Amino acid sequence: MIAKEEIRKLPMHEKLALLEAVWAEISPEPDELEVPQWHKDLLDERRDAYERGEIRVIDWEDAKKEIEASIR
């Protein structure tokens, strides 16, 4: 295993390459990744709030524009 201290020493481009390599190893087998119960519960809560009309839903393109405008 790679120690956290060693990872901290890596330049950003090497950290990203390491992250991509790890993701490439785990992404072909998504069924082996268990979704934690708290995550399922949160998704259920958000779906329920959406169905009750409590959540504003917007188009992805509009969302990106809002995000870009908020960071300027």
PDB file of N, CA and C in Angstrom:
ATOM      1  N   MET A   1       0.839  -1.173   0.000  1.00  0.00           N
ATOM      2  CA  MET A   1       0.000   0.000   0.000  1.00  0.00           C
ATOM      3  C   MET A   1       0.884   1.237   0.000  1.00  0.00           C
ATOM      4  N   ILE A   2       0.423   2.277  -0.650  1.00  0.00           N
ATOM      5  CA  ILE A   2       1.162   3.526  -0.705  1.00  0.00           C
ATOM      6  C   ILE A   2       0.795   4.370   0.513  1.00  0.00           C
ATOM      7  N   ALA A   3       1.797   4.860   1.212  1.00  0.00           N
ATOM      8  CA  ALA A   3       1.557   5.675   2.405  1.00  0.00           C
ATOM      9  C   ALA A   3       1.035   7.049   2.004  1.00  0.00           C
ATOM     10  N   LYS A   4       0.153   7.601   2.837  1.00  0.00           N
ATOM     11  CA  LYS A   4      -0.400   8.925   2.568  1.00  0.00           C
ATOM     12  C   LYS A   4       0.692   9.972   2.422  1.00  0.00           C
ATOM     13  N   GLU A   5       1.759   9.821   3.202  1.00  0.00           N
ATOM     14  CA  GLU A   5       2.863  10.784   3.141  1.00  0.00           C
ATOM     15  C   GLU A   5       3.507  10.781   1.758  1.00  0.00           C
ATOM     16  N   GLU A   6       3.602   9.601   1.169  1.00  0.00           N
ATOM     17  CA  GLU A   6       4.187   9.499  -0.172  1.00  0.00           C
ATOM     18  C   GLU A   6       3.279  10.150  -1.213  1.00  0.00           C
ATOM     19  N   ILE A   7       1.982   9.946  -1.061  1.00  0.00           N
ATOM     20  CA  ILE A   7       1.026  10.547  -1.988  1.00  0.00           C
ATOM     21  C   ILE A   7       1.093  12.060  -1.898  1.00  0.00           C
ATOM     22  N   ARG A   8       1.187  12.590  -0.677  1.00  0.00           N
ATOM     23  CA  ARG A   8       1.262  14.047  -0.482  1.00  0.00           C
ATOM     24  C   ARG A   8       2.462  14.650  -1.203  1.00  0.00           C
ATOM     25  N   LYS A   9       3.543  13.897  -1.315  1.00  0.00           N
ATOM     26  CA  LYS A   9       4.771  14.391  -1.947  1.00  0.00           C
ATOM     27  C   LYS A   9       4.679  14.432  -3.475  1.00  0.00           C
ATOM     28  N   LEU A  10       3.731  13.696  -4.036  1.00  0.00           N
ATOM     29  CA  LEU A  10       3.629  13.623  -5.493  1.00  0.00           C
ATOM     30  C   LEU A  10       3.151  14.946  -6.083  1.00  0.00           C
ATOM     31  N   PRO A  11       3.648  15.291  -7.277  1.00  0.00           N
ATOM     32  CA  PRO A  11       3.098  16.464  -7.970  1.00  0.00           C
ATOM     33  C   PRO A  11       1.659  16.166  -8.404  1.00  0.00           C
ATOM     34  N   MET A  12       0.884  17.204  -8.619  1.00  0.00           N
ATOM     35  CA  MET A  12      -0.536  17.045  -8.924  1.00  0.00           C
ATOM     36  C   MET A  12      -0.768  16.111 -10.111  1.00  0.00           C
ATOM     37  N   HIS A  13       0.009  16.241 -11.179  1.00  0.00           N
ATOM     38  CA  HIS A  13      -0.233  15.391 -12.351  1.00  0.00           C
ATOM     39  C   HIS A  13      -0.031  13.911 -12.026  1.00  0.00           C
ATOM     40  N   GLU A  14       0.878  13.601 -11.114  1.00  0.00           N
ATOM     41  CA  GLU A  14       1.081  12.206 -10.715  1.00  0.00           C
ATOM     42  C   GLU A  14      -0.049  11.725  -9.797  1.00  0.00           C
ATOM     43  N   LYS A  15      -0.564  12.617  -8.945  1.00  0.00           N
ATOM     44  CA  LYS A  15      -1.703  12.261  -8.108  1.00  0.00           C
ATOM     45  C   LYS A  15      -2.913  11.932  -8.981  1.00  0.00           C
ATOM     46  N   LEU A  16      -3.123  12.739 -10.004  1.00  0.00           N
ATOM     47  CA  LEU A  16      -4.253  12.488 -10.911  1.00  0.00           C
ATOM     48  C   LEU A  16      -4.062  11.187 -11.678  1.00  0.00           C
ATOM     49  N   ALA A  17      -2.838  10.913 -12.112  1.00  0.00           N
ATOM     50  CA  ALA A  17      -2.567   9.657 -12.814  1.00  0.00           C
ATOM     51  C   ALA A  17      -2.814   8.462 -11.891  1.00  0.00           C
ATOM     52  N   LEU A  18      -2.432   8.590 -10.625  1.00  0.00           N
ATOM     53  CA  LEU A  18      -2.667   7.532  -9.645  1.00  0.00           C
ATOM     54  C   LEU A  18      -4.165   7.321  -9.441  1.00  0.00           C
ATOM     55  N   LEU A  19      -4.902   8.410  -9.317  1.00  0.00           N
ATOM     56  CA  LEU A  19      -6.352   8.332  -9.151  1.00  0.00           C
ATOM     57  C   LEU A  19      -6.998   7.648 -10.354  1.00  0.00           C
ATOM     58  N   GLU A  20      -6.571   8.010 -11.550  1.00  0.00           N
ATOM     59  CA  GLU A  20      -7.113   7.384 -12.766  1.00  0.00           C
ATOM     60  C   GLU A  20      -6.805   5.891 -12.799  1.00  0.00           C
ATOM     61  N   ALA A  21      -5.605   5.518 -12.377  1.00  0.00           N
ATOM     62  CA  ALA A  21      -5.235   4.101 -12.365  1.00  0.00           C
ATOM     63  C   ALA A  21      -6.096   3.320 -11.379  1.00  0.00           C
ATOM     64  N   VAL A  22      -6.316   3.881 -10.202  1.00  0.00           N
ATOM     65  CA  VAL A  22      -7.158   3.212  -9.201  1.00  0.00           C
ATOM     66  C   VAL A  22      -8.577   3.086  -9.732  1.00  0.00           C
ATOM     67  N   TRP A  23      -9.114   4.170 -10.301  1.00  0.00           N
ATOM     68  CA  TRP A  23     -10.480   4.125 -10.827  1.00  0.00           C
ATOM     69  C   TRP A  23     -10.597   3.080 -11.939  1.00  0.00           C
ATOM     70  N   ALA A  24      -9.598   2.986 -12.796  1.00  0.00           N
ATOM     71  CA  ALA A  24      -9.626   2.001 -13.879  1.00  0.00           C
ATOM     72  C   ALA A  24      -9.696   0.582 -13.330  1.00  0.00           C
ATOM     73  N   GLU A  25      -9.102   0.373 -12.165  1.00  0.00           N
ATOM     74  CA  GLU A  25      -9.130  -0.948 -11.540  1.00  0.00           C
ATOM     75  C   GLU A  25     -10.497  -1.285 -10.952  1.00  0.00           C
ATOM     76  N   ILE A  26     -11.195  -0.298 -10.387  1.00  0.00           N
ATOM     77  CA  ILE A  26     -12.452  -0.609  -9.707  1.00  0.00           C
ATOM     78  C   ILE A  26     -13.680  -0.384 -10.571  1.00  0.00           C
ATOM     79  N   SER A  27     -13.608   0.455 -11.571  1.00  0.00           N
ATOM     80  CA  SER A  27     -14.804   0.775 -12.348  1.00  0.00           C
ATOM     81  C   SER A  27     -15.356  -0.374 -13.191  1.00  0.00           C
ATOM     82  N   PRO A  28     -14.543  -1.316 -13.672  1.00  0.00           N
ATOM     83  CA  PRO A  28     -15.136  -2.412 -14.448  1.00  0.00           C
ATOM     84  C   PRO A  28     -16.013  -3.351 -13.626  1.00  0.00           C
ATOM     85  N   GLU A  29     -15.949  -3.271 -12.308  1.00  0.00           N
ATOM     86  CA  GLU A  29     -16.688  -4.176 -11.438  1.00  0.00           C
ATOM     87  C   GLU A  29     -17.589  -3.392 -10.473  1.00  0.00           C
ATOM     88  N   PRO A  30     -18.516  -2.578 -10.999  1.00  0.00           N
ATOM     89  CA  PRO A  30     -19.331  -1.736 -10.118  1.00  0.00           C
ATOM     90  C   PRO A  30     -20.237  -2.518  -9.173  1.00  0.00           C
ATOM     91  N   ASP A  31     -20.586  -3.735  -9.520  1.00  0.00           N
ATOM     92  CA  ASP A  31     -21.458  -4.530  -8.649  1.00  0.00           C
ATOM     93  C   ASP A  31     -20.775  -4.908  -7.342  1.00  0.00           C
ATOM     94  N   GLU A  32     -19.456  -4.857  -7.339  1.00  0.00           N
ATOM     95  CA  GLU A  32     -18.717  -5.193  -6.128  1.00  0.00           C
ATOM     96  C   GLU A  32     -18.654  -4.011  -5.164  1.00  0.00           C
ATOM     97  N   LEU A  33     -19.022  -2.823  -5.634  1.00  0.00           N
ATOM     98  CA  LEU A  33     -19.007  -1.643  -4.779  1.00  0.00           C
ATOM     99  C   LEU A  33     -20.363  -1.510  -4.096  1.00  0.00           C
ATOM    100  N   GLU A  34     -20.365  -1.630  -2.803  1.00  0.00           N
ATOM    101  CA  GLU A  34     -21.621  -1.553  -2.064  1.00  0.00           C
ATOM    102  C   GLU A  34     -21.951  -0.098  -1.750  1.00  0.00           C
ATOM    103  N   VAL A  35     -23.175   0.287  -2.041  1.00  0.00           N
ATOM    104  CA  VAL A  35     -23.642   1.635  -1.715  1.00  0.00           C
ATOM    105  C   VAL A  35     -24.035   1.630  -0.242  1.00  0.00           C
ATOM    106  N   PRO A  36     -23.466   2.553   0.541  1.00  0.00           N
ATOM    107  CA  PRO A  36     -23.810   2.565   1.970  1.00  0.00           C
ATOM    108  C   PRO A  36     -25.275   2.933   2.200  1.00  0.00           C
ATOM    109  N   GLN A  37     -25.826   2.435   3.280  1.00  0.00           N
ATOM    110  CA  GLN A  37     -27.239   2.671   3.576  1.00  0.00           C
ATOM    111  C   GLN A  37     -27.557   4.152   3.712  1.00  0.00           C
ATOM    112  N   TRP A  38     -26.643   4.931   4.304  1.00  0.00           N
ATOM    113  CA  TRP A  38     -26.906   6.368   4.472  1.00  0.00           C
ATOM    114  C   TRP A  38     -27.068   7.049   3.123  1.00  0.00           C
ATOM    115  N   HIS A  39     -26.347   6.554   2.111  1.00  0.00           N
ATOM    116  CA  HIS A  39     -26.445   7.122   0.764  1.00  0.00           C
ATOM    117  C   HIS A  39     -27.802   6.783   0.148  1.00  0.00           C
ATOM    118  N   LYS A  40     -28.223   5.545   0.321  1.00  0.00           N
ATOM    119  CA  LYS A  40     -29.539   5.132  -0.169  1.00  0.00           C
ATOM    120  C   LYS A  40     -30.640   5.945   0.504  1.00  0.00           C
ATOM    121  N   ASP A  41     -30.494   6.154   1.825  1.00  0.00           N
ATOM    122  CA  ASP A  41     -31.487   6.926   2.578  1.00  0.00           C
ATOM    123  C   ASP A  41     -31.557   8.361   2.074  1.00  0.00           C
ATOM    124  N   LEU A  42     -30.407   8.950   1.815  1.00  0.00           N
ATOM    125  CA  LEU A  42     -30.371  10.327   1.319  1.00  0.00           C
ATOM    126  C   LEU A  42     -31.043  10.426  -0.050  1.00  0.00           C
ATOM    127  N   LEU A  43     -30.770   9.479  -0.918  1.00  0.00           N
ATOM    128  CA  LEU A  43     -31.408   9.481  -2.239  1.00  0.00           C
ATOM    129  C   LEU A  43     -32.921   9.312  -2.116  1.00  0.00           C
ATOM    130  N   ASP A  44     -33.353   8.450  -1.212  1.00  0.00           N
ATOM    131  CA  ASP A  44     -34.794   8.274  -0.980  1.00  0.00           C
ATOM    132  C   ASP A  44     -35.431   9.574  -0.492  1.00  0.00           C
ATOM    133  N   GLU A  45     -34.750  10.260   0.457  1.00  0.00           N
ATOM    134  CA  GLU A  45     -35.269  11.532   0.969  1.00  0.00           C
ATOM    135  C   GLU A  45     -35.394  12.567  -0.147  1.00  0.00           C
ATOM    136  N   ARG A  46     -34.385  12.641  -0.987  1.00  0.00           N
ATOM    137  CA  ARG A  46     -34.414  13.616  -2.081  1.00  0.00           C
ATOM    138  C   ARG A  46     -35.487  13.280  -3.106  1.00  0.00           C
ATOM    139  N   ARG A  47     -35.660  11.994  -3.404  1.00  0.00           N
ATOM    140  CA  ARG A  47     -36.720  11.601  -4.326  1.00  0.00           C
ATOM    141  C   ARG A  47     -38.092  11.961  -3.756  1.00  0.00           C
ATOM    142  N   ASP A  48     -38.277  11.666  -2.473  1.00  0.00           N
ATOM    143  CA  ASP A  48     -39.551  11.983  -1.826  1.00  0.00           C
ATOM    144  C   ASP A  48     -39.816  13.484  -1.835  1.00  0.00           C
ATOM    145  N   ALA A  49     -38.794  14.284  -1.561  1.00  0.00           N
ATOM    146  CA  ALA A  49     -38.950  15.742  -1.583  1.00  0.00           C
ATOM    147  C   ALA A  49     -39.285  16.222  -2.996  1.00  0.00           C
ATOM    148  N   TYR A  50     -38.677  15.605  -3.993  1.00  0.00           N
ATOM    149  CA  TYR A  50     -38.984  15.948  -5.379  1.00  0.00           C
ATOM    150  C   TYR A  50     -40.450  15.633  -5.689  1.00  0.00           C
ATOM    151  N   GLU A  51     -40.888  14.457  -5.282  1.00  0.00           N
ATOM    152  CA  GLU A  51     -42.272  14.049  -5.548  1.00  0.00           C
ATOM    153  C   GLU A  51     -43.290  14.931  -4.825  1.00  0.00           C
ATOM    154  N   ARG A  52     -42.884  15.523  -3.691  1.00  0.00           N
ATOM    155  CA  ARG A  52     -43.769  16.440  -2.969  1.00  0.00           C
ATOM    156  C   ARG A  52     -43.687  17.861  -3.529  1.00  0.00           C
ATOM    157  N   GLY A  53     -42.823  18.063  -4.522  1.00  0.00           N
ATOM    158  CA  GLY A  53     -42.670  19.384  -5.135  1.00  0.00           C
ATOM    159  C   GLY A  53     -41.835  20.348  -4.312  1.00  0.00           C
ATOM    160  N   GLU A  54     -41.007  19.825  -3.431  1.00  0.00           N
ATOM    161  CA  GLU A  54     -40.204  20.663  -2.548  1.00  0.00           C
ATOM    162  C   GLU A  54     -38.822  20.983  -3.105  1.00  0.00           C
ATOM    163  N   ILE A  55     -38.474  20.356  -4.211  1.00  0.00           N
ATOM    164  CA  ILE A  55     -37.149  20.552  -4.795  1.00  0.00           C
ATOM    165  C   ILE A  55     -37.290  21.172  -6.182  1.00  0.00           C
ATOM    166  N   ARG A  56     -36.508  22.214  -6.417  1.00  0.00           N
ATOM    167  CA  ARG A  56     -36.481  22.872  -7.724  1.00  0.00           C
ATOM    168  C   ARG A  56     -35.595  22.061  -8.665  1.00  0.00           C
ATOM    169  N   VAL A  57     -36.114  21.712  -9.810  1.00  0.00           N
ATOM    170  CA  VAL A  57     -35.367  20.940 -10.792  1.00  0.00           C
ATOM    171  C   VAL A  57     -35.142  21.818 -12.012  1.00  0.00           C
ATOM    172  N   ILE A  58     -33.881  21.868 -12.454  1.00  0.00           N
ATOM    173  CA  ILE A  58     -33.572  22.659 -13.643  1.00  0.00           C
ATOM    174  C   ILE A  58     -32.737  21.832 -14.614  1.00  0.00           C
ATOM    175  N   ASP A  59     -32.716  22.263 -15.834  1.00  0.00           N
ATOM    176  CA  ASP A  59     -31.940  21.637 -16.892  1.00  0.00           C
ATOM    177  C   ASP A  59     -30.447  21.731 -16.556  1.00  0.00           C
ATOM    178  N   TRP A  60     -29.679  20.720 -16.927  1.00  0.00           N
ATOM    179  CA  TRP A  60     -28.250  20.676 -16.628  1.00  0.00           C
ATOM    180  C   TRP A  60     -27.516  21.888 -17.207  1.00  0.00           C
ATOM    181  N   GLU A  61     -27.868  22.286 -18.418  1.00  0.00           N
ATOM    182  CA  GLU A  61     -27.206  23.451 -19.021  1.00  0.00           C
ATOM    183  C   GLU A  61     -27.469  24.705 -18.195  1.00  0.00           C
ATOM    184  N   ASP A  62     -28.691  24.885 -17.715  1.00  0.00           N
ATOM    185  CA  ASP A  62     -29.021  26.024 -16.864  1.00  0.00           C
ATOM    186  C   ASP A  62     -28.274  25.936 -15.529  1.00  0.00           C
ATOM    187  N   ALA A  63     -28.155  24.736 -15.007  1.00  0.00           N
ATOM    188  CA  ALA A  63     -27.430  24.551 -13.744  1.00  0.00           C
ATOM    189  C   ALA A  63     -25.970  24.965 -13.907  1.00  0.00           C
ATOM    190  N   LYS A  64     -25.347  24.568 -15.004  1.00  0.00           N
ATOM    191  CA  LYS A  64     -23.955  24.948 -15.237  1.00  0.00           C
ATOM    192  C   LYS A  64     -23.817  26.461 -15.323  1.00  0.00           C
ATOM    193  N   LYS A  65     -24.761  27.111 -15.997  1.00  0.00           N
ATOM    194  CA  LYS A  65     -24.715  28.572 -16.103  1.00  0.00           C
ATOM    195  C   LYS A  65     -24.831  29.217 -14.729  1.00  0.00           C
ATOM    196  N   GLU A  66     -25.710  28.697 -13.885  1.00  0.00           N
ATOM    197  CA  GLU A  66     -25.882  29.241 -12.533  1.00  0.00           C
ATOM    198  C   GLU A  66     -24.611  29.051 -11.710  1.00  0.00           C
ATOM    199  N   ILE A  67     -23.997  27.902 -11.840  1.00  0.00           N
ATOM    200  CA  ILE A  67     -22.766  27.631 -11.110  1.00  0.00           C
ATOM    201  C   ILE A  67     -21.667  28.565 -11.578  1.00  0.00           C
ATOM    202  N   GLU A  68     -21.514  28.708 -12.877  1.00  0.00           N
ATOM    203  CA  GLU A  68     -20.483  29.593 -13.409  1.00  0.00           C
ATOM    204  C   GLU A  68     -20.714  31.029 -12.953  1.00  0.00           C
ATOM    205  N   ALA A  69     -21.950  31.479 -12.963  1.00  0.00           N
ATOM    206  CA  ALA A  69     -22.267  32.839 -12.543  1.00  0.00           C
ATOM    207  C   ALA A  69     -21.969  33.035 -11.053  1.00  0.00           C
ATOM    208  N   SER A  70     -22.173  32.006 -10.251  1.00  0.00           N
ATOM    209  CA  SER A  70     -21.969  32.140  -8.803  1.00  0.00           C
ATOM    210  C   SER A  70     -20.499  32.193  -8.415  1.00  0.00           C
ATOM    211  N   ILE A  71     -19.607  31.709  -9.281  1.00  0.00           N
ATOM    212  CA  ILE A  71     -18.177  31.711  -8.921  1.00  0.00           C
ATOM    213  C   ILE A  71     -17.423  32.861  -9.564  1.00  0.00           C
ATOM    214  N   ARG A  72     -18.117  33.697 -10.270  1.00  0.00           N
ATOM    215  CA  ARG A  72     -17.443  34.865 -10.880  1.00  0.00           C
ATOM    216  C   ARG A  72     -17.416  36.025  -9.949  1.00  0.00           C
TER     217      ARG A  72
END
